[in-house]
Amino acid sequence: MSRSEPATVLVVDDEPDVADAYAAQLTDEYIVSTAYGGTEALEQLDDSVDVVLLDRRMPGVSGDEVLETIRERNLQVRVAMVTAVDPDFDIIEMPFDDYVIKPVSRSDLFETIERLLTTSEYEERLRRYYALTAKHATLVANKPESELAENDAFKQLQIEMEQIASELDQTISEFNEDDFDAAFRDLNDPSIPEIPDE
């Protein structure tokens, strides 16, 4: 997802009036679609969706089941549970990015979406930074300093690393506790490598 383009938001609620009301409030800023149930949501979900606002208690396929399927499909989408269901300890194991209790104001919706988009961007930059540092470390370990100093591609690699590191620092300085939770939801995922010390 590029922030130069509007993000795509899927609103999922089995009450059409609620889903449509949320969508109406968001359409000026985002590309918004609605689903009036879990089955319909799963039919619409693909890699084009950036954020899902997901009701939890729905007949048929519940929000919990939709969330589980999203993670099983490895879709790179941020999910906020927007629900009247009071949280219990079961949420500890649920892989959502945010939990918002209804009723939800317009500002609540926008703040939630923007926080999730920011943390998603941070995660993308972090992955890019890791890839660059791995290349940098490999070249430093295997090439003489004189060769590195003369190579334009290596110089550009260093510039990009510094730029992304600065962007990461800037973003993280603006994070609050909820942002950290959302950004590092996948921290224990073994498929995400740790950033090496240089």
C-alpha atoms as a PDB file:
ATOM      1  CA  MET A   1       0.000   0.000   0.000  1.00  0.00           C
ATOM      2  CA  SER A   2       1.271   3.450  -0.914  1.00  0.00           C
ATOM      3  CA  ARG A   3       0.081   6.381   1.171  1.00  0.00           C
ATOM      4  CA  SER A   4       0.125   8.487  -2.007  1.00  0.00           C
ATOM      5  CA  GLU A   5      -3.089   6.634  -2.864  1.00  0.00           C
ATOM      6  CA  PRO A   6      -6.180   6.300  -0.655  1.00  0.00           C
ATOM      7  CA  ALA A   7      -6.166   3.210   1.519  1.00  0.00           C
ATOM      8  CA  THR A   8      -8.794   0.520   0.968  1.00  0.00           C
ATOM      9  CA  VAL A   9     -11.045  -0.161   3.950  1.00  0.00           C
ATOM     10  CA  LEU A  10     -13.522  -3.034   4.256  1.00  0.00           C
ATOM     11  CA  VAL A  11     -16.333  -2.472   6.759  1.00  0.00           C
ATOM     12  CA  VAL A  12     -17.899  -5.709   7.991  1.00  0.00           C
ATOM     13  CA  ASP A  13     -21.096  -5.654  10.061  1.00  0.00           C
ATOM     14  CA  ASP A  14     -24.232  -7.795   9.907  1.00  0.00           C
ATOM     15  CA  GLU A  15     -26.331  -4.663  10.495  1.00  0.00           C
ATOM     16  CA  PRO A  16     -26.418  -2.933   7.096  1.00  0.00           C
ATOM     17  CA  ASP A  17     -27.365   0.425   8.629  1.00  0.00           C
ATOM     18  CA  VAL A  18     -24.264   0.352  10.827  1.00  0.00           C
ATOM     19  CA  ALA A  19     -21.929  -0.752   8.032  1.00  0.00           C
ATOM     20  CA  ASP A  20     -23.355   1.851   5.659  1.00  0.00           C
ATOM     21  CA  ALA A  21     -23.083   4.597   8.294  1.00  0.00           C
ATOM     22  CA  TYR A  22     -19.402   3.813   8.884  1.00  0.00           C
ATOM     23  CA  ALA A  23     -18.760   3.660   5.146  1.00  0.00           C
ATOM     24  CA  ALA A  24     -20.466   6.999   4.555  1.00  0.00           C
ATOM     25  CA  GLN A  25     -18.211   8.653   7.139  1.00  0.00           C
ATOM     26  CA  LEU A  26     -15.061   7.220   5.566  1.00  0.00           C
ATOM     27  CA  THR A  27     -15.610   7.589   1.813  1.00  0.00           C
ATOM     28  CA  ASP A  28     -14.096  11.075   1.571  1.00  0.00           C
ATOM     29  CA  GLU A  29     -10.712   9.773   2.750  1.00  0.00           C
ATOM     30  CA  TYR A  30     -10.570   6.109   1.757  1.00  0.00           C
ATOM     31  CA  ILE A  31     -11.742   3.584  -0.817  1.00  0.00           C
ATOM     32  CA  VAL A  32     -14.490   1.869   1.170  1.00  0.00           C
ATOM     33  CA  SER A  33     -16.489  -1.305   0.612  1.00  0.00           C
ATOM     34  CA  THR A  34     -18.972  -3.029   2.881  1.00  0.00           C
ATOM     35  CA  ALA A  35     -19.849  -6.605   3.723  1.00  0.00           C
ATOM     36  CA  TYR A  36     -22.991  -7.501   5.653  1.00  0.00           C
ATOM     37  CA  GLY A  37     -21.694 -10.728   7.131  1.00  0.00           C
ATOM     38  CA  GLY A  38     -18.687 -12.979   7.534  1.00  0.00           C
ATOM     39  CA  THR A  39     -19.203 -14.989   4.346  1.00  0.00           C
ATOM     40  CA  GLU A  40     -19.503 -11.848   2.234  1.00  0.00           C
ATOM     41  CA  ALA A  41     -16.408 -10.411   3.925  1.00  0.00           C
ATOM     42  CA  LEU A  42     -14.326 -13.473   3.072  1.00  0.00           C
ATOM     43  CA  GLU A  43     -15.448 -13.246  -0.558  1.00  0.00           C
ATOM     44  CA  GLN A  44     -14.230  -9.633  -0.753  1.00  0.00           C
ATOM     45  CA  LEU A  45     -10.964 -10.038   1.116  1.00  0.00           C
ATOM     46  CA  ASP A  46      -7.788 -10.016  -0.932  1.00  0.00           C
ATOM     47  CA  ASP A  47      -4.440  -8.217  -1.006  1.00  0.00           C
ATOM     48  CA  SER A  48      -6.051  -4.976  -2.178  1.00  0.00           C
ATOM     49  CA  VAL A  49      -7.612  -4.423   1.274  1.00  0.00           C
ATOM     50  CA  ASP A  50      -5.464  -2.445   3.735  1.00  0.00           C
ATOM     51  CA  VAL A  51      -7.730  -2.272   6.801  1.00  0.00           C
ATOM     52  CA  VAL A  52     -10.753  -4.293   7.943  1.00  0.00           C
ATOM     53  CA  LEU A  53     -13.226  -2.908  10.477  1.00  0.00           C
ATOM     54  CA  LEU A  54     -14.715  -6.160  11.692  1.00  0.00           C
ATOM     55  CA  ASP A  55     -17.811  -6.741  13.795  1.00  0.00           C
ATOM     56  CA  ARG A  56     -17.334  -9.653  16.139  1.00  0.00           C
ATOM     57  CA  ARG A  57     -20.787 -11.068  16.783  1.00  0.00           C
ATOM     58  CA  MET A  58     -22.412 -12.010  13.475  1.00  0.00           C
ATOM     59  CA  PRO A  59     -24.697 -14.919  12.564  1.00  0.00           C
ATOM     60  CA  GLY A  60     -23.207 -17.658  10.416  1.00  0.00           C
ATOM     61  CA  VAL A  61     -19.519 -16.837  10.043  1.00  0.00           C
ATOM     62  CA  SER A  62     -18.523 -14.761  13.085  1.00  0.00           C
ATOM     63  CA  GLY A  63     -15.966 -11.979  13.183  1.00  0.00           C
ATOM     64  CA  ASP A  64     -13.646 -14.259  15.141  1.00  0.00           C
ATOM     65  CA  GLU A  65     -13.792 -16.806  12.300  1.00  0.00           C
ATOM     66  CA  VAL A  66     -13.200 -14.110   9.680  1.00  0.00           C
ATOM     67  CA  LEU A  67     -10.145 -12.919  11.631  1.00  0.00           C
ATOM     68  CA  GLU A  68      -8.799 -16.468  11.885  1.00  0.00           C
ATOM     69  CA  THR A  69      -9.239 -16.991   8.137  1.00  0.00           C
ATOM     70  CA  ILE A  70      -7.504 -13.678   7.346  1.00  0.00           C
ATOM     71  CA  ARG A  71      -4.445 -14.804   9.299  1.00  0.00           C
ATOM     72  CA  GLU A  72      -4.539 -18.319   7.811  1.00  0.00           C
ATOM     73  CA  ARG A  73      -4.494 -16.764   4.326  1.00  0.00           C
ATOM     74  CA  ASN A  74      -1.518 -14.597   5.346  1.00  0.00           C
ATOM     75  CA  LEU A  75      -3.217 -11.503   4.005  1.00  0.00           C
ATOM     76  CA  GLN A  76      -1.211  -8.378   4.782  1.00  0.00           C
ATOM     77  CA  VAL A  77      -4.199  -6.540   6.191  1.00  0.00           C
ATOM     78  CA  ARG A  78      -4.699  -4.752   9.492  1.00  0.00           C
ATOM     79  CA  VAL A  79      -7.816  -5.731  11.426  1.00  0.00           C
ATOM     80  CA  ALA A  80      -9.700  -3.696  14.011  1.00  0.00           C
ATOM     81  CA  MET A  81     -12.495  -5.479  15.833  1.00  0.00           C
ATOM     82  CA  VAL A  82     -15.302  -2.905  16.064  1.00  0.00           C
ATOM     83  CA  THR A  83     -17.807  -4.534  18.342  1.00  0.00           C
ATOM     84  CA  ALA A  84     -20.289  -4.305  21.178  1.00  0.00           C
ATOM     85  CA  VAL A  85     -18.809  -7.487  22.688  1.00  0.00           C
ATOM     86  CA  ASP A  86     -17.044  -6.611  25.932  1.00  0.00           C
ATOM     87  CA  PRO A  87     -13.503  -7.976  25.834  1.00  0.00           C
ATOM     88  CA  ASP A  88     -12.649 -11.020  27.922  1.00  0.00           C
ATOM     89  CA  PHE A  89      -9.393 -12.903  28.384  1.00  0.00           C
ATOM     90  CA  ASP A  90      -9.994 -14.802  25.137  1.00  0.00           C
ATOM     91  CA  ILE A  91      -8.803 -11.738  23.218  1.00  0.00           C
ATOM     92  CA  ILE A  92      -5.234 -12.399  24.396  1.00  0.00           C
ATOM     93  CA  GLU A  93      -4.818 -15.098  21.746  1.00  0.00           C
ATOM     94  CA  MET A  94      -6.744 -13.280  19.011  1.00  0.00           C
ATOM     95  CA  PRO A  95      -4.507 -11.864  16.252  1.00  0.00           C
ATOM     96  CA  PHE A  96      -6.315  -8.550  15.708  1.00  0.00           C
ATOM     97  CA  ASP A  97      -4.523  -5.190  15.617  1.00  0.00           C
ATOM     98  CA  ASP A  98      -7.034  -3.096  17.541  1.00  0.00           C
ATOM     99  CA  TYR A  99     -10.223  -3.568  19.556  1.00  0.00           C
ATOM    100  CA  VAL A 100     -12.794  -0.775  19.529  1.00  0.00           C
ATOM    101  CA  ILE A 101     -15.974  -0.913  21.601  1.00  0.00           C
ATOM    102  CA  LYS A 102     -19.226   0.344  20.091  1.00  0.00           C
ATOM    103  CA  PRO A 103     -20.664   2.924  19.929  1.00  0.00           C
ATOM    104  CA  VAL A 104     -17.900   4.343  17.770  1.00  0.00           C
ATOM    105  CA  SER A 105     -17.564   7.987  16.810  1.00  0.00           C
ATOM    106  CA  ARG A 106     -16.345   9.273  13.462  1.00  0.00           C
ATOM    107  CA  SER A 107     -13.081  10.394  15.077  1.00  0.00           C
ATOM    108  CA  ASP A 108     -12.647   6.920  16.633  1.00  0.00           C
ATOM    109  CA  LEU A 109     -12.908   5.348  13.183  1.00  0.00           C
ATOM    110  CA  PHE A 110     -10.402   7.736  11.615  1.00  0.00           C
ATOM    111  CA  GLU A 111      -7.922   7.463  14.491  1.00  0.00           C
ATOM    112  CA  THR A 112      -8.091   3.678  14.395  1.00  0.00           C
ATOM    113  CA  ILE A 113      -7.584   3.464  10.643  1.00  0.00           C
ATOM    114  CA  GLU A 114      -4.742   5.988  10.608  1.00  0.00           C
ATOM    115  CA  ARG A 115      -2.960   4.216  13.462  1.00  0.00           C
ATOM    116  CA  LEU A 116      -3.202   0.892  11.648  1.00  0.00           C
ATOM    117  CA  LEU A 117      -1.971   2.388   8.381  1.00  0.00           C
ATOM    118  CA  THR A 118       0.973   4.019  10.148  1.00  0.00           C
ATOM    119  CA  THR A 119       1.989   0.791  11.846  1.00  0.00           C
ATOM    120  CA  SER A 120       1.624  -1.101   8.575  1.00  0.00           C
ATOM    121  CA  GLU A 121       3.958   1.377   6.873  1.00  0.00           C
ATOM    122  CA  TYR A 122       6.398   1.012   9.746  1.00  0.00           C
ATOM    123  CA  GLU A 123       6.416  -2.760   9.375  1.00  0.00           C
ATOM    124  CA  GLU A 124       7.040  -2.488   5.613  1.00  0.00           C
ATOM    125  CA  ARG A 125       9.945  -0.110   6.189  1.00  0.00           C
ATOM    126  CA  LEU A 126      11.348  -2.370   8.889  1.00  0.00           C
ATOM    127  CA  ARG A 127      11.335  -5.340   6.512  1.00  0.00           C
ATOM    128  CA  ARG A 128      13.036  -3.232   3.824  1.00  0.00           C
ATOM    129  CA  TYR A 129      15.632  -2.042   6.328  1.00  0.00           C
ATOM    130  CA  TYR A 130      16.384  -5.606   7.379  1.00  0.00           C
ATOM    131  CA  ALA A 131      16.877  -6.664   3.749  1.00  0.00           C
ATOM    132  CA  LEU A 132      19.280  -3.763   3.153  1.00  0.00           C
ATOM    133  CA  THR A 133      21.281  -4.422   6.327  1.00  0.00           C
ATOM    134  CA  ALA A 134      21.640  -8.091   5.372  1.00  0.00           C
ATOM    135  CA  LYS A 135      23.082  -7.089   1.969  1.00  0.00           C
ATOM    136  CA  HIS A 136      25.322  -4.486   3.590  1.00  0.00           C
ATOM    137  CA  ALA A 137      26.668  -6.927   6.180  1.00  0.00           C
ATOM    138  CA  THR A 138      27.335  -9.569   3.523  1.00  0.00           C
ATOM    139  CA  LEU A 139      29.295  -7.172   1.330  1.00  0.00           C
ATOM    140  CA  VAL A 140      31.278  -5.727   4.268  1.00  0.00           C
ATOM    141  CA  ALA A 141      32.233  -9.238   5.346  1.00  0.00           C
ATOM    142  CA  ASN A 142      33.333 -10.328   1.874  1.00  0.00           C
ATOM    143  CA  LYS A 143      34.755  -7.295   0.050  1.00  0.00           C
ATOM    144  CA  PRO A 144      37.837  -5.193   0.762  1.00  0.00           C
ATOM    145  CA  GLU A 145      37.205  -1.643   2.042  1.00  0.00           C
ATOM    146  CA  SER A 146      38.817  -0.116  -1.037  1.00  0.00           C
ATOM    147  CA  GLU A 147      36.343  -1.877  -3.329  1.00  0.00           C
ATOM    148  CA  LEU A 148      33.384  -0.873  -1.180  1.00  0.00           C
ATOM    149  CA  ALA A 149      34.503   2.763  -1.142  1.00  0.00           C
ATOM    150  CA  GLU A 150      34.628   2.892  -4.945  1.00  0.00           C
ATOM    151  CA  ASN A 151      31.339   1.141  -5.676  1.00  0.00           C
ATOM    152  CA  ASP A 152      28.404   3.459  -6.496  1.00  0.00           C
ATOM    153  CA  ALA A 153      25.745   0.794  -5.832  1.00  0.00           C
ATOM    154  CA  PHE A 154      27.193   0.194  -2.361  1.00  0.00           C
ATOM    155  CA  LYS A 155      27.194   3.943  -1.647  1.00  0.00           C
ATOM    156  CA  GLN A 156      23.550   4.108  -2.710  1.00  0.00           C
ATOM    157  CA  LEU A 157      22.756   1.157  -0.466  1.00  0.00           C
ATOM    158  CA  GLN A 158      24.249   3.025   2.497  1.00  0.00           C
ATOM    159  CA  ILE A 159      22.279   6.179   1.661  1.00  0.00           C
ATOM    160  CA  GLU A 160      19.023   4.221   1.467  1.00  0.00           C
ATOM    161  CA  MET A 161      19.765   2.477   4.769  1.00  0.00           C
ATOM    162  CA  GLU A 162      20.353   5.830   6.482  1.00  0.00           C
ATOM    163  CA  GLN A 163      17.184   7.289   4.978  1.00  0.00           C
ATOM    164  CA  ILE A 164      14.987   4.378   6.072  1.00  0.00           C
ATOM    165  CA  ALA A 165      16.586   4.336   9.546  1.00  0.00           C
ATOM    166  CA  SER A 166      15.731   8.025   9.903  1.00  0.00           C
ATOM    167  CA  GLU A 167      12.133   7.388   8.774  1.00  0.00           C
ATOM    168  CA  LEU A 168      11.815   4.518  11.261  1.00  0.00           C
ATOM    169  CA  ASP A 169      13.125   6.719  14.078  1.00  0.00           C
ATOM    170  CA  GLN A 170      10.704   9.494  13.156  1.00  0.00           C
ATOM    171  CA  THR A 171       7.706   7.153  13.024  1.00  0.00           C
ATOM    172  CA  ILE A 172       8.531   5.374  16.256  1.00  0.00           C
ATOM    173  CA  SER A 173       8.975   8.689  18.091  1.00  0.00           C
ATOM    174  CA  GLU A 174       5.290   9.370  17.360  1.00  0.00           C
ATOM    175  CA  PHE A 175       4.043   5.966  18.544  1.00  0.00           C
ATOM    176  CA  ASN A 176       1.930   5.519  21.649  1.00  0.00           C
ATOM    177  CA  GLU A 177       1.381   2.179  23.433  1.00  0.00           C
ATOM    178  CA  ASP A 178      -1.454   1.147  21.078  1.00  0.00           C
ATOM    179  CA  ASP A 179       0.748   1.880  18.070  1.00  0.00           C
ATOM    180  CA  PHE A 180       3.492  -0.352  19.463  1.00  0.00           C
ATOM    181  CA  ASP A 181       1.015  -3.164  20.039  1.00  0.00           C
ATOM    182  CA  ALA A 182      -0.280  -2.896  16.472  1.00  0.00           C
ATOM    183  CA  ALA A 183       3.148  -2.544  14.876  1.00  0.00           C
ATOM    184  CA  PHE A 184       4.666  -5.505  16.666  1.00  0.00           C
ATOM    185  CA  ARG A 185       1.699  -7.899  16.618  1.00  0.00           C
ATOM    186  CA  ASP A 186       3.802 -10.299  14.527  1.00  0.00           C
ATOM    187  CA  LEU A 187       6.980  -9.945  16.592  1.00  0.00           C
ATOM    188  CA  ASN A 188       6.904 -13.596  17.663  1.00  0.00           C
ATOM    189  CA  ASP A 189       6.201 -14.778  14.114  1.00  0.00           C
ATOM    190  CA  PRO A 190       9.201 -16.973  13.170  1.00  0.00           C
ATOM    191  CA  SER A 191       8.874 -15.902   9.523  1.00  0.00           C
ATOM    192  CA  ILE A 192       9.940 -12.358  10.488  1.00  0.00           C
ATOM    193  CA  PRO A 193      13.697 -12.193  10.947  1.00  0.00           C
ATOM    194  CA  GLU A 194      15.342 -10.175  13.685  1.00  0.00           C
ATOM    195  CA  ILE A 195      17.337  -7.128  12.678  1.00  0.00           C
ATOM    196  CA  PRO A 196      21.016  -7.985  13.041  1.00  0.00           C
ATOM    197  CA  ASP A 197      23.407  -5.843  15.065  1.00  0.00           C
ATOM    198  CA  GLU A 198      26.024  -4.206  12.901  1.00  0.00           C
END
